[in-house]
Amino acid sequence: MVSMMTKQPIDIDIELFELMFPGKLVGKAVIDANARMIGVIRNIRIQIPSPTISLTVKGLDTEFTVKSENIQAIGNVVQLNIIIKHSEPIEINDIMKLRNEIQEELVHFYSLLK
C-alpha cells in the first residue's frame, strides 16, 4: 500500500485478540527450546505489507515478540525452537496471574470502545 500524498509505503501493524479468553492461542503457556516455561501468548501480530506473523509473549517482567518461524509446535502449550534468555522461567501459578493481567487489559480496552 502506498500513501497518495508522499508515495511512501505504509507499514501496518495489527494486533489480534480472540473473542474468547483464553482462546486457542491467546493465554497458552509458552515453552522455549530449553523446556523452560517463559510466559503466555498475549496476542497475535500481523505486519503488512511484508506479511509477517508473530506472537507477543507476556512474561513476569517482560513482553517480547516471537516470529512464526521460531515456533516448533502448538498443542497444549506453544513450543519454541529457540532459547529465550531475557525471560525468567515461570511457574504454573504465574500462568494464571499473567492470564488475569491480559484479561483485565482486554476488559479495560473494550470498555474504552463503548
Protein backbone atom coordinates (compact mmCIF):
# COMPACT_ATOMS: atom_id res chain seq x y z
CA MET A 1 0.00 0.00 0.00
CA VAL A 2 1.35 3.46 -0.88
CA SER A 3 0.31 6.81 0.57
CA MET A 4 -1.13 9.09 -2.13
CA MET A 5 0.43 12.23 -0.61
CA THR A 6 4.01 11.06 -0.10
CA LYS A 7 4.32 7.99 -2.34
CA GLN A 8 5.88 6.24 0.66
CA PRO A 9 4.96 2.67 1.57
CA ILE A 10 2.66 2.46 4.58
CA ASP A 11 3.53 -0.10 7.23
CA ILE A 12 0.58 -1.53 9.11
CA ASP A 13 0.97 -3.40 12.40
CA ILE A 14 -2.16 -5.27 13.55
CA GLU A 15 -2.68 -6.88 16.96
CA LEU A 16 -5.29 -9.64 17.04
CA PHE A 17 -7.08 -11.00 20.08
CA GLU A 18 -9.54 -13.88 20.23
CA LEU A 19 -13.15 -13.33 21.26
CA MET A 20 -12.95 -16.00 23.96
CA PHE A 21 -10.32 -15.84 26.67
CA PRO A 22 -8.25 -17.87 26.99
CA GLY A 23 -8.54 -18.71 23.31
CA LYS A 24 -6.95 -21.24 21.00
CA LEU A 25 -3.66 -19.29 21.17
CA VAL A 26 -4.07 -16.27 23.43
CA GLY A 27 -3.40 -17.32 27.01
CA LYS A 28 -1.47 -20.50 26.14
CA ALA A 29 1.75 -21.20 28.03
CA VAL A 30 4.99 -20.78 26.06
CA ILE A 31 8.00 -23.08 26.48
CA ASP A 32 11.40 -22.32 24.96
CA ALA A 33 13.89 -24.78 23.43
CA ASN A 34 15.35 -25.46 26.92
CA ALA A 35 11.88 -26.60 28.09
CA ARG A 36 11.57 -23.54 30.37
CA MET A 37 8.08 -22.12 30.74
CA ILE A 38 8.64 -18.43 29.97
CA GLY A 39 5.23 -16.80 29.56
CA VAL A 40 1.85 -16.85 27.86
CA ILE A 41 0.64 -15.67 24.46
CA ARG A 42 -0.71 -12.12 24.78
CA ASN A 43 -1.75 -11.57 21.16
CA ILE A 44 -1.10 -12.38 17.52
CA ARG A 45 0.64 -9.73 15.41
CA ILE A 46 0.45 -9.26 11.66
CA GLN A 47 2.63 -6.75 9.86
CA ILE A 48 1.76 -5.58 6.36
CA PRO A 49 2.82 -5.10 3.52
CA SER A 50 5.65 -7.59 4.10
CA PRO A 51 3.32 -10.17 5.61
CA THR A 52 4.92 -11.19 8.88
CA ILE A 53 3.09 -13.14 11.57
CA SER A 54 4.39 -13.26 15.11
CA LEU A 55 3.19 -13.85 18.65
CA THR A 56 3.56 -11.46 21.56
CA VAL A 57 4.62 -13.33 24.69
CA LYS A 58 3.98 -11.86 28.14
CA GLY A 59 6.36 -12.95 30.89
CA LEU A 60 6.52 -11.85 34.51
CA ASP A 61 8.57 -8.70 33.95
CA THR A 62 8.86 -8.67 30.18
CA GLU A 63 6.95 -8.76 26.92
CA PHE A 64 8.53 -9.76 23.62
CA THR A 65 7.71 -10.87 20.09
CA VAL A 66 8.40 -14.31 18.66
CA LYS A 67 8.43 -14.73 14.88
CA SER A 68 6.31 -17.54 13.46
CA GLU A 69 9.38 -19.38 12.15
CA ASN A 70 10.59 -19.73 15.76
CA ILE A 71 7.53 -21.78 16.74
CA GLN A 72 8.24 -25.52 16.85
CA ALA A 73 4.75 -26.76 17.71
CA ILE A 74 1.40 -25.65 19.06
CA GLY A 75 -0.55 -28.03 21.26
CA ASN A 76 -1.48 -27.72 24.92
CA VAL A 77 1.46 -25.30 25.04
CA VAL A 78 3.39 -23.30 22.44
CA GLN A 79 6.84 -24.87 22.00
CA LEU A 80 9.57 -22.59 20.60
CA ASN A 81 12.64 -23.78 18.72
CA ILE A 82 14.80 -21.03 20.24
CA ILE A 83 16.12 -20.27 23.72
CA ILE A 84 14.74 -17.10 25.31
CA LYS A 85 17.45 -15.74 27.61
CA HIS A 86 15.79 -12.44 28.58
CA SER A 87 12.77 -14.02 30.28
CA GLU A 88 12.80 -15.68 33.68
CA PRO A 89 11.21 -19.14 33.99
CA ILE A 90 7.70 -19.07 35.40
CA GLU A 91 5.58 -21.46 37.47
CA ILE A 92 2.03 -22.73 36.90
CA ASN A 93 0.57 -20.13 39.30
CA ASP A 94 2.34 -17.41 37.27
CA ILE A 95 0.40 -18.51 34.19
CA MET A 96 -2.86 -17.80 35.99
CA LYS A 97 -1.54 -14.41 37.13
CA LEU A 98 -0.46 -13.49 33.58
CA ARG A 99 -3.78 -14.66 32.10
CA ASN A 100 -5.64 -12.50 34.62
CA GLU A 101 -3.49 -9.47 33.70
CA ILE A 102 -4.20 -9.98 29.99
CA GLN A 103 -7.91 -10.43 30.65
CA GLU A 104 -8.01 -7.20 32.69
CA GLU A 105 -6.20 -5.35 29.87
CA LEU A 106 -8.75 -6.61 27.34
CA VAL A 107 -11.73 -5.72 29.52
CA HIS A 108 -10.31 -2.22 30.05
CA PHE A 109 -9.58 -1.79 26.32
CA TYR A 110 -13.08 -2.88 25.25
CA SER A 111 -14.71 -0.70 27.89
CA LEU A 112 -13.00 2.32 26.30
CA LEU A 113 -14.58 1.45 22.95
CA LYS A 114 -18.14 1.81 24.27
